[in-house]
Amino acid sequence: MKNAITLLILAGFFLSFETKNIDLEEVKVKPTESFTKNLETANDEFLIPEELNDKFEINAIGFICNNFKMKEYLQENQMKGSDSYEVTFKSRKGFLRANYDINGDLVKTVQRFKNAALPYEVRNKIFNEYHGWDITKSTFFAIGTGEKMDKGCYRIIVEKGNRKERIKVHVTNNSMNNTRNALVVN
Protein backbone atom coordinates (compact mmCIF):
# COMPACT_ATOMS: atom_id res chain seq x y z
CA MET A 1 0.00 0.00 0.00
CA LYS A 2 2.83 2.37 0.90
CA ASN A 3 4.54 1.59 -2.41
CA ALA A 4 1.39 2.35 -4.40
CA ILE A 5 0.90 5.70 -2.65
CA THR A 6 4.57 6.61 -3.14
CA LEU A 7 4.33 5.65 -6.82
CA LEU A 8 1.21 7.81 -7.31
CA ILE A 9 2.86 10.80 -5.62
CA LEU A 10 6.02 10.45 -7.75
CA ALA A 11 3.98 10.04 -10.96
CA GLY A 12 1.95 13.15 -10.14
CA PHE A 13 5.13 15.07 -9.36
CA PHE A 14 6.81 14.15 -12.66
CA LEU A 15 3.68 14.70 -14.76
CA SER A 16 3.20 18.19 -13.35
CA PHE A 17 6.41 19.40 -15.10
CA GLU A 18 6.11 20.47 -18.68
CA THR A 19 8.93 21.25 -21.05
CA LYS A 20 9.26 24.59 -22.75
CA ASN A 21 11.31 25.48 -25.80
CA ILE A 22 13.18 28.73 -25.36
CA ASP A 23 14.79 30.55 -28.28
CA LEU A 24 18.08 32.12 -27.28
CA GLU A 25 19.51 35.20 -28.89
CA GLU A 26 22.77 34.90 -30.78
CA VAL A 27 25.67 35.99 -28.60
CA LYS A 28 28.61 37.79 -30.15
CA VAL A 29 31.89 37.15 -28.36
CA LYS A 30 33.90 40.32 -28.01
CA PRO A 31 37.58 40.28 -29.04
CA THR A 32 38.58 41.07 -25.46
CA GLU A 33 36.17 38.67 -23.73
CA SER A 34 39.04 36.61 -22.26
CA PHE A 35 40.72 39.66 -20.77
CA THR A 36 39.89 42.27 -18.15
CA LYS A 37 40.67 45.85 -19.11
CA ASN A 38 42.74 47.65 -16.51
CA LEU A 39 40.77 50.81 -15.81
CA GLU A 40 43.53 52.32 -13.68
CA THR A 41 45.53 53.28 -16.77
CA ALA A 42 44.66 55.46 -19.74
CA ASN A 43 46.41 53.06 -22.13
CA ASP A 44 44.98 49.88 -23.60
CA GLU A 45 46.07 47.46 -20.91
CA PHE A 46 44.50 44.07 -20.31
CA LEU A 47 44.91 41.71 -17.37
CA ILE A 48 45.20 38.02 -18.18
CA PRO A 49 42.78 35.91 -16.10
CA GLU A 50 44.46 33.85 -13.39
CA GLU A 51 43.46 30.52 -14.97
CA LEU A 52 45.19 31.49 -18.25
CA ASN A 53 48.42 32.88 -16.76
CA ASP A 54 50.48 29.73 -17.35
CA LYS A 55 49.56 29.50 -21.04
CA PHE A 56 50.28 33.20 -21.50
CA GLU A 57 53.65 33.06 -19.73
CA ILE A 58 54.89 30.04 -21.71
CA ASN A 59 54.11 31.49 -25.15
CA ALA A 60 52.86 35.07 -24.85
CA ILE A 61 52.96 35.94 -28.56
CA GLY A 62 51.08 32.80 -29.57
CA PHE A 63 48.59 33.36 -26.77
CA ILE A 64 47.64 36.89 -27.84
CA CYS A 65 47.57 35.94 -31.53
CA ASN A 66 45.10 33.16 -30.74
CA ASN A 67 43.02 34.98 -28.13
CA PHE A 68 43.02 38.70 -28.93
CA LYS A 69 41.43 39.95 -32.15
CA MET A 70 42.93 43.41 -32.67
CA LYS A 71 41.08 44.08 -35.94
CA GLU A 72 37.74 43.50 -34.20
CA TYR A 73 38.89 45.56 -31.21
CA LEU A 74 39.72 48.50 -33.48
CA GLN A 75 36.32 48.30 -35.20
CA GLU A 76 34.42 47.88 -31.93
CA ASN A 77 36.09 50.89 -30.32
CA GLN A 78 36.11 52.94 -33.52
CA MET A 79 39.79 53.68 -33.12
CA LYS A 80 41.03 55.77 -36.04
CA GLY A 81 43.49 58.52 -36.65
CA SER A 82 46.67 56.84 -35.48
CA ASP A 83 49.26 54.93 -37.48
CA SER A 84 49.92 52.48 -34.67
CA TYR A 85 48.36 51.19 -31.47
CA GLU A 86 50.06 49.85 -28.35
CA VAL A 87 48.35 47.25 -26.20
CA THR A 88 49.83 45.77 -23.02
CA PHE A 89 48.86 42.36 -21.64
CA LYS A 90 49.79 41.72 -18.00
CA SER A 91 49.89 38.58 -15.88
CA ARG A 92 51.04 37.91 -12.34
CA LYS A 93 54.67 37.41 -13.48
CA GLY A 94 55.11 39.87 -16.30
CA PHE A 95 53.81 41.52 -19.44
CA LEU A 96 53.79 41.58 -23.22
CA ARG A 97 53.57 44.95 -24.95
CA ALA A 98 52.31 44.65 -28.54
CA ASN A 99 52.37 47.32 -31.23
CA TYR A 100 49.80 47.02 -34.02
CA ASP A 101 49.54 48.96 -37.28
CA ILE A 102 46.47 50.86 -38.47
CA ASN A 103 45.04 47.63 -39.98
CA GLY A 104 45.33 45.72 -36.69
CA ASP A 105 48.32 43.61 -37.75
CA LEU A 106 50.95 42.79 -35.12
CA VAL A 107 54.12 44.75 -35.85
CA LYS A 108 56.38 44.53 -32.77
CA THR A 109 56.40 42.90 -29.33
CA VAL A 110 58.36 43.32 -26.12
CA GLN A 111 57.93 40.89 -23.26
CA ARG A 112 59.36 40.44 -19.78
CA PHE A 113 58.56 37.79 -17.17
CA LYS A 114 60.02 37.29 -13.69
CA ASN A 115 60.56 33.80 -12.30
CA ALA A 116 59.78 32.42 -15.73
CA ALA A 117 59.57 28.67 -16.17
CA LEU A 118 62.73 27.50 -17.89
CA PRO A 119 62.55 25.19 -20.91
CA TYR A 120 63.52 21.59 -20.26
CA GLU A 121 66.81 21.84 -22.23
CA VAL A 122 67.95 24.90 -20.29
CA ARG A 123 67.16 23.38 -16.88
CA ASN A 124 69.05 20.20 -17.76
CA LYS A 125 72.08 22.06 -19.09
CA ILE A 126 72.25 24.26 -15.97
CA PHE A 127 71.82 21.33 -13.58
CA ASN A 128 74.52 19.36 -15.42
CA GLU A 129 77.01 22.24 -15.41
CA TYR A 130 76.09 23.45 -11.90
CA HIS A 131 75.53 20.14 -10.15
CA GLY A 132 74.17 20.70 -6.63
CA TRP A 133 73.27 24.35 -7.26
CA ASP A 134 69.75 25.79 -6.92
CA ILE A 135 68.07 28.09 -9.42
CA THR A 136 66.86 30.96 -7.25
CA LYS A 137 65.72 33.51 -9.82
CA SER A 138 64.99 33.73 -13.53
CA THR A 139 63.90 36.57 -15.76
CA PHE A 140 62.91 36.31 -19.41
CA PHE A 141 63.12 39.28 -21.78
CA ALA A 142 62.39 39.23 -25.54
CA ILE A 143 61.68 41.45 -28.51
CA GLY A 144 60.08 40.45 -31.77
CA THR A 145 58.56 41.52 -35.05
CA GLY A 146 55.17 40.29 -36.12
CA GLU A 147 54.40 36.86 -34.67
CA LYS A 148 58.09 35.98 -34.44
CA MET A 149 60.42 36.42 -31.50
CA ASP A 150 63.71 37.85 -32.82
CA LYS A 151 65.84 37.96 -29.68
CA GLY A 152 65.30 36.65 -26.20
CA CYS A 153 67.33 36.15 -23.08
CA TYR A 154 66.93 34.33 -19.79
CA ARG A 155 68.84 35.82 -16.88
CA ILE A 156 69.23 33.14 -14.26
CA ILE A 157 70.74 33.21 -10.79
CA VAL A 158 72.02 29.97 -9.28
CA GLU A 159 73.21 29.60 -5.70
CA LYS A 160 75.14 27.03 -3.69
CA GLY A 161 75.77 27.93 -0.07
CA ASN A 162 77.23 31.46 -0.03
CA ARG A 163 78.19 31.35 -3.72
CA LYS A 164 76.05 33.00 -6.38
CA GLU A 165 76.42 32.84 -10.19
CA ARG A 166 74.61 34.74 -12.91
CA ILE A 167 73.90 32.92 -16.17
CA LYS A 168 72.52 34.25 -19.46
CA VAL A 169 70.76 32.00 -21.92
CA HIS A 170 69.99 33.47 -25.34
CA VAL A 171 66.92 32.48 -27.34
CA THR A 172 66.86 33.18 -31.06
CA ASN A 173 64.64 32.84 -34.11
CA ASN A 174 61.38 31.62 -32.65
CA SER A 175 57.83 31.67 -34.00
CA MET A 176 54.51 31.75 -32.14
CA ASN A 177 53.94 28.03 -32.70
CA ASN A 178 57.28 27.05 -31.18
CA THR A 179 57.72 27.93 -27.57
CA ARG A 180 61.14 29.00 -26.35
CA ASN A 181 63.27 26.07 -27.47
CA ALA A 182 66.00 27.22 -29.87
CA LEU A 183 68.65 27.95 -27.27
CA VAL A 184 72.30 28.89 -27.17
CA VAL A 185 73.90 29.02 -23.73
CA ASN A 186 76.60 31.64 -23.13
C-alpha atoms as a PDB file:
ATOM      1  CA  MET A   1       0.000   0.000   0.000  1.00  0.00           C
ATOM      2  CA  LYS A   2       2.832   2.372   0.904  1.00  0.00           C
ATOM      3  CA  ASN A   3       4.537   1.588  -2.412  1.00  0.00           C
ATOM      4  CA  ALA A   4       1.386   2.352  -4.400  1.00  0.00           C
ATOM      5  CA  ILE A   5       0.897   5.701  -2.651  1.00  0.00           C
ATOM      6  CA  THR A   6       4.572   6.609  -3.144  1.00  0.00           C
ATOM      7  CA  LEU A   7       4.331   5.647  -6.815  1.00  0.00           C
ATOM      8  CA  LEU A   8       1.215   7.807  -7.308  1.00  0.00           C
ATOM      9  CA  ILE A   9       2.858  10.801  -5.617  1.00  0.00           C
ATOM     10  CA  LEU A  10       6.024  10.452  -7.754  1.00  0.00           C
ATOM     11  CA  ALA A  11       3.976  10.044 -10.962  1.00  0.00           C
ATOM     12  CA  GLY A  12       1.948  13.155 -10.139  1.00  0.00           C
ATOM     13  CA  PHE A  13       5.129  15.067  -9.361  1.00  0.00           C
ATOM     14  CA  PHE A  14       6.809  14.149 -12.663  1.00  0.00           C
ATOM     15  CA  LEU A  15       3.678  14.697 -14.757  1.00  0.00           C
ATOM     16  CA  SER A  16       3.196  18.191 -13.354  1.00  0.00           C
ATOM     17  CA  PHE A  17       6.409  19.402 -15.102  1.00  0.00           C
ATOM     18  CA  GLU A  18       6.114  20.466 -18.680  1.00  0.00           C
ATOM     19  CA  THR A  19       8.929  21.249 -21.054  1.00  0.00           C
ATOM     20  CA  LYS A  20       9.262  24.589 -22.754  1.00  0.00           C
ATOM     21  CA  ASN A  21      11.313  25.484 -25.802  1.00  0.00           C
ATOM     22  CA  ILE A  22      13.180  28.735 -25.358  1.00  0.00           C
ATOM     23  CA  ASP A  23      14.792  30.545 -28.276  1.00  0.00           C
ATOM     24  CA  LEU A  24      18.079  32.117 -27.282  1.00  0.00           C
ATOM     25  CA  GLU A  25      19.513  35.202 -28.893  1.00  0.00           C
ATOM     26  CA  GLU A  26      22.770  34.900 -30.779  1.00  0.00           C
ATOM     27  CA  VAL A  27      25.671  35.992 -28.598  1.00  0.00           C
ATOM     28  CA  LYS A  28      28.608  37.791 -30.146  1.00  0.00           C
ATOM     29  CA  VAL A  29      31.890  37.152 -28.362  1.00  0.00           C
ATOM     30  CA  LYS A  30      33.901  40.317 -28.007  1.00  0.00           C
ATOM     31  CA  PRO A  31      37.579  40.282 -29.043  1.00  0.00           C
ATOM     32  CA  THR A  32      38.578  41.069 -25.458  1.00  0.00           C
ATOM     33  CA  GLU A  33      36.168  38.668 -23.729  1.00  0.00           C
ATOM     34  CA  SER A  34      39.041  36.610 -22.262  1.00  0.00           C
ATOM     35  CA  PHE A  35      40.718  39.664 -20.770  1.00  0.00           C
ATOM     36  CA  THR A  36      39.893  42.267 -18.155  1.00  0.00           C
ATOM     37  CA  LYS A  37      40.674  45.846 -19.113  1.00  0.00           C
ATOM     38  CA  ASN A  38      42.745  47.649 -16.511  1.00  0.00           C
ATOM     39  CA  LEU A  39      40.766  50.813 -15.814  1.00  0.00           C
ATOM     40  CA  GLU A  40      43.528  52.319 -13.676  1.00  0.00           C
ATOM     41  CA  THR A  41      45.531  53.279 -16.766  1.00  0.00           C
ATOM     42  CA  ALA A  42      44.663  55.464 -19.737  1.00  0.00           C
ATOM     43  CA  ASN A  43      46.414  53.065 -22.133  1.00  0.00           C
ATOM     44  CA  ASP A  44      44.976  49.883 -23.602  1.00  0.00           C
ATOM     45  CA  GLU A  45      46.067  47.461 -20.908  1.00  0.00           C
ATOM     46  CA  PHE A  46      44.502  44.074 -20.310  1.00  0.00           C
ATOM     47  CA  LEU A  47      44.914  41.710 -17.367  1.00  0.00           C
ATOM     48  CA  ILE A  48      45.197  38.024 -18.177  1.00  0.00           C
ATOM     49  CA  PRO A  49      42.776  35.905 -16.097  1.00  0.00           C
ATOM     50  CA  GLU A  50      44.464  33.846 -13.392  1.00  0.00           C
ATOM     51  CA  GLU A  51      43.458  30.517 -14.972  1.00  0.00           C
ATOM     52  CA  LEU A  52      45.195  31.488 -18.251  1.00  0.00           C
ATOM     53  CA  ASN A  53      48.419  32.882 -16.763  1.00  0.00           C
ATOM     54  CA  ASP A  54      50.483  29.730 -17.349  1.00  0.00           C
ATOM     55  CA  LYS A  55      49.559  29.503 -21.036  1.00  0.00           C
ATOM     56  CA  PHE A  56      50.281  33.204 -21.501  1.00  0.00           C
ATOM     57  CA  GLU A  57      53.650  33.061 -19.730  1.00  0.00           C
ATOM     58  CA  ILE A  58      54.887  30.035 -21.706  1.00  0.00           C
ATOM     59  CA  ASN A  59      54.110  31.490 -25.146  1.00  0.00           C
ATOM     60  CA  ALA A  60      52.857  35.073 -24.853  1.00  0.00           C
ATOM     61  CA  ILE A  61      52.956  35.941 -28.561  1.00  0.00           C
ATOM     62  CA  GLY A  62      51.084  32.797 -29.566  1.00  0.00           C
ATOM     63  CA  PHE A  63      48.592  33.356 -26.775  1.00  0.00           C
ATOM     64  CA  ILE A  64      47.638  36.888 -27.838  1.00  0.00           C
ATOM     65  CA  CYS A  65      47.570  35.938 -31.528  1.00  0.00           C
ATOM     66  CA  ASN A  66      45.098  33.160 -30.745  1.00  0.00           C
ATOM     67  CA  ASN A  67      43.016  34.979 -28.128  1.00  0.00           C
ATOM     68  CA  PHE A  68      43.016  38.699 -28.930  1.00  0.00           C
ATOM     69  CA  LYS A  69      41.432  39.954 -32.151  1.00  0.00           C
ATOM     70  CA  MET A  70      42.933  43.406 -32.675  1.00  0.00           C
ATOM     71  CA  LYS A  71      41.078  44.079 -35.937  1.00  0.00           C
ATOM     72  CA  GLU A  72      37.744  43.504 -34.203  1.00  0.00           C
ATOM     73  CA  TYR A  73      38.891  45.559 -31.205  1.00  0.00           C
ATOM     74  CA  LEU A  74      39.721  48.502 -33.482  1.00  0.00           C
ATOM     75  CA  GLN A  75      36.322  48.299 -35.196  1.00  0.00           C
ATOM     76  CA  GLU A  76      34.425  47.876 -31.934  1.00  0.00           C
ATOM     77  CA  ASN A  77      36.086  50.889 -30.324  1.00  0.00           C
ATOM     78  CA  GLN A  78      36.107  52.938 -33.524  1.00  0.00           C
ATOM     79  CA  MET A  79      39.791  53.683 -33.118  1.00  0.00           C
ATOM     80  CA  LYS A  80      41.029  55.769 -36.039  1.00  0.00           C
ATOM     81  CA  GLY A  81      43.494  58.524 -36.651  1.00  0.00           C
ATOM     82  CA  SER A  82      46.669  56.835 -35.476  1.00  0.00           C
ATOM     83  CA  ASP A  83      49.265  54.930 -37.481  1.00  0.00           C
ATOM     84  CA  SER A  84      49.922  52.482 -34.671  1.00  0.00           C
ATOM     85  CA  TYR A  85      48.362  51.192 -31.466  1.00  0.00           C
ATOM     86  CA  GLU A  86      50.058  49.852 -28.351  1.00  0.00           C
ATOM     87  CA  VAL A  87      48.349  47.248 -26.204  1.00  0.00           C
ATOM     88  CA  THR A  88      49.825  45.773 -23.020  1.00  0.00           C
ATOM     89  CA  PHE A  89      48.859  42.363 -21.640  1.00  0.00           C
ATOM     90  CA  LYS A  90      49.785  41.716 -17.997  1.00  0.00           C
ATOM     91  CA  SER A  91      49.893  38.583 -15.881  1.00  0.00           C
ATOM     92  CA  ARG A  92      51.043  37.905 -12.342  1.00  0.00           C
ATOM     93  CA  LYS A  93      54.668  37.412 -13.475  1.00  0.00           C
ATOM     94  CA  GLY A  94      55.109  39.869 -16.304  1.00  0.00           C
ATOM     95  CA  PHE A  95      53.812  41.516 -19.442  1.00  0.00           C
ATOM     96  CA  LEU A  96      53.791  41.582 -23.215  1.00  0.00           C
ATOM     97  CA  ARG A  97      53.569  44.946 -24.955  1.00  0.00           C
ATOM     98  CA  ALA A  98      52.311  44.647 -28.540  1.00  0.00           C
ATOM     99  CA  ASN A  99      52.374  47.319 -31.235  1.00  0.00           C
ATOM    100  CA  TYR A 100      49.797  47.024 -34.021  1.00  0.00           C
ATOM    101  CA  ASP A 101      49.545  48.963 -37.277  1.00  0.00           C
ATOM    102  CA  ILE A 102      46.471  50.860 -38.466  1.00  0.00           C
ATOM    103  CA  ASN A 103      45.041  47.626 -39.980  1.00  0.00           C
ATOM    104  CA  GLY A 104      45.328  45.722 -36.693  1.00  0.00           C
ATOM    105  CA  ASP A 105      48.322  43.608 -37.753  1.00  0.00           C
ATOM    106  CA  LEU A 106      50.946  42.786 -35.121  1.00  0.00           C
ATOM    107  CA  VAL A 107      54.124  44.746 -35.846  1.00  0.00           C
ATOM    108  CA  LYS A 108      56.381  44.532 -32.773  1.00  0.00           C
ATOM    109  CA  THR A 109      56.403  42.905 -29.333  1.00  0.00           C
ATOM    110  CA  VAL A 110      58.361  43.319 -26.122  1.00  0.00           C
ATOM    111  CA  GLN A 111      57.933  40.887 -23.255  1.00  0.00           C
ATOM    112  CA  ARG A 112      59.359  40.440 -19.779  1.00  0.00           C
ATOM    113  CA  PHE A 113      58.564  37.794 -17.166  1.00  0.00           C
ATOM    114  CA  LYS A 114      60.021  37.288 -13.688  1.00  0.00           C
ATOM    115  CA  ASN A 115      60.563  33.797 -12.301  1.00  0.00           C
ATOM    116  CA  ALA A 116      59.782  32.424 -15.732  1.00  0.00           C
ATOM    117  CA  ALA A 117      59.572  28.673 -16.166  1.00  0.00           C
ATOM    118  CA  LEU A 118      62.735  27.495 -17.888  1.00  0.00           C
ATOM    119  CA  PRO A 119      62.545  25.189 -20.907  1.00  0.00           C
ATOM    120  CA  TYR A 120      63.523  21.587 -20.264  1.00  0.00           C
ATOM    121  CA  GLU A 121      66.807  21.841 -22.230  1.00  0.00           C
ATOM    122  CA  VAL A 122      67.949  24.903 -20.288  1.00  0.00           C
ATOM    123  CA  ARG A 123      67.159  23.384 -16.883  1.00  0.00           C
ATOM    124  CA  ASN A 124      69.047  20.202 -17.765  1.00  0.00           C
ATOM    125  CA  LYS A 125      72.084  22.056 -19.088  1.00  0.00           C
ATOM    126  CA  ILE A 126      72.247  24.261 -15.974  1.00  0.00           C
ATOM    127  CA  PHE A 127      71.820  21.335 -13.576  1.00  0.00           C
ATOM    128  CA  ASN A 128      74.519  19.364 -15.418  1.00  0.00           C
ATOM    129  CA  GLU A 129      77.009  22.238 -15.405  1.00  0.00           C
ATOM    130  CA  TYR A 130      76.090  23.450 -11.897  1.00  0.00           C
ATOM    131  CA  HIS A 131      75.533  20.143 -10.148  1.00  0.00           C
ATOM    132  CA  GLY A 132      74.175  20.696  -6.630  1.00  0.00           C
ATOM    133  CA  TRP A 133      73.268  24.354  -7.258  1.00  0.00           C
ATOM    134  CA  ASP A 134      69.751  25.791  -6.918  1.00  0.00           C
ATOM    135  CA  ILE A 135      68.072  28.090  -9.423  1.00  0.00           C
ATOM    136  CA  THR A 136      66.855  30.963  -7.249  1.00  0.00           C
ATOM    137  CA  LYS A 137      65.717  33.506  -9.824  1.00  0.00           C
ATOM    138  CA  SER A 138      64.986  33.732 -13.527  1.00  0.00           C
ATOM    139  CA  THR A 139      63.896  36.572 -15.757  1.00  0.00           C
ATOM    140  CA  PHE A 140      62.912  36.311 -19.408  1.00  0.00           C
ATOM    141  CA  PHE A 141      63.120  39.276 -21.784  1.00  0.00           C
ATOM    142  CA  ALA A 142      62.395  39.231 -25.537  1.00  0.00           C
ATOM    143  CA  ILE A 143      61.680  41.450 -28.515  1.00  0.00           C
ATOM    144  CA  GLY A 144      60.083  40.451 -31.775  1.00  0.00           C
ATOM    145  CA  THR A 145      58.565  41.516 -35.055  1.00  0.00           C
ATOM    146  CA  GLY A 146      55.172  40.286 -36.117  1.00  0.00           C
ATOM    147  CA  GLU A 147      54.400  36.865 -34.675  1.00  0.00           C
ATOM    148  CA  LYS A 148      58.093  35.977 -34.440  1.00  0.00           C
ATOM    149  CA  MET A 149      60.424  36.423 -31.498  1.00  0.00           C
ATOM    150  CA  ASP A 150      63.705  37.853 -32.823  1.00  0.00           C
ATOM    151  CA  LYS A 151      65.837  37.959 -29.681  1.00  0.00           C
ATOM    152  CA  GLY A 152      65.298  36.653 -26.204  1.00  0.00           C
ATOM    153  CA  CYS A 153      67.330  36.151 -23.082  1.00  0.00           C
ATOM    154  CA  TYR A 154      66.927  34.331 -19.792  1.00  0.00           C
ATOM    155  CA  ARG A 155      68.838  35.816 -16.880  1.00  0.00           C
ATOM    156  CA  ILE A 156      69.226  33.140 -14.259  1.00  0.00           C
ATOM    157  CA  ILE A 157      70.737  33.211 -10.791  1.00  0.00           C
ATOM    158  CA  VAL A 158      72.016  29.971  -9.278  1.00  0.00           C
ATOM    159  CA  GLU A 159      73.207  29.597  -5.699  1.00  0.00           C
ATOM    160  CA  LYS A 160      75.135  27.031  -3.689  1.00  0.00           C
ATOM    161  CA  GLY A 161      75.773  27.927  -0.070  1.00  0.00           C
ATOM    162  CA  ASN A 162      77.226  31.461  -0.026  1.00  0.00           C
ATOM    163  CA  ARG A 163      78.186  31.346  -3.718  1.00  0.00           C
ATOM    164  CA  LYS A 164      76.054  32.996  -6.376  1.00  0.00           C
ATOM    165  CA  GLU A 165      76.417  32.836 -10.186  1.00  0.00           C
ATOM    166  CA  ARG A 166      74.610  34.741 -12.913  1.00  0.00           C
ATOM    167  CA  ILE A 167      73.898  32.921 -16.172  1.00  0.00           C
ATOM    168  CA  LYS A 168      72.522  34.253 -19.459  1.00  0.00           C
ATOM    169  CA  VAL A 169      70.758  31.997 -21.921  1.00  0.00           C
ATOM    170  CA  HIS A 170      69.991  33.475 -25.344  1.00  0.00           C
ATOM    171  CA  VAL A 171      66.920  32.479 -27.337  1.00  0.00           C
ATOM    172  CA  THR A 172      66.862  33.180 -31.062  1.00  0.00           C
ATOM    173  CA  ASN A 173      64.638  32.844 -34.110  1.00  0.00           C
ATOM    174  CA  ASN A 174      61.382  31.625 -32.650  1.00  0.00           C
ATOM    175  CA  SER A 175      57.835  31.671 -33.995  1.00  0.00           C
ATOM    176  CA  MET A 176      54.515  31.752 -32.136  1.00  0.00           C
ATOM    177  CA  ASN A 177      53.938  28.027 -32.704  1.00  0.00           C
ATOM    178  CA  ASN A 178      57.282  27.046 -31.180  1.00  0.00           C
ATOM    179  CA  THR A 179      57.724  27.931 -27.570  1.00  0.00           C
ATOM    180  CA  ARG A 180      61.142  28.995 -26.348  1.00  0.00           C
ATOM    181  CA  ASN A 181      63.275  26.075 -27.465  1.00  0.00           C
ATOM    182  CA  ALA A 182      66.001  27.217 -29.874  1.00  0.00           C
ATOM    183  CA  LEU A 183      68.653  27.949 -27.273  1.00  0.00           C
ATOM    184  CA  VAL A 184      72.299  28.890 -27.172  1.00  0.00           C
ATOM    185  CA  VAL A 185      73.901  29.019 -23.726  1.00  0.00           C
ATOM    186  CA  ASN A 186      76.604  31.639 -23.133  1.00  0.00           C
END
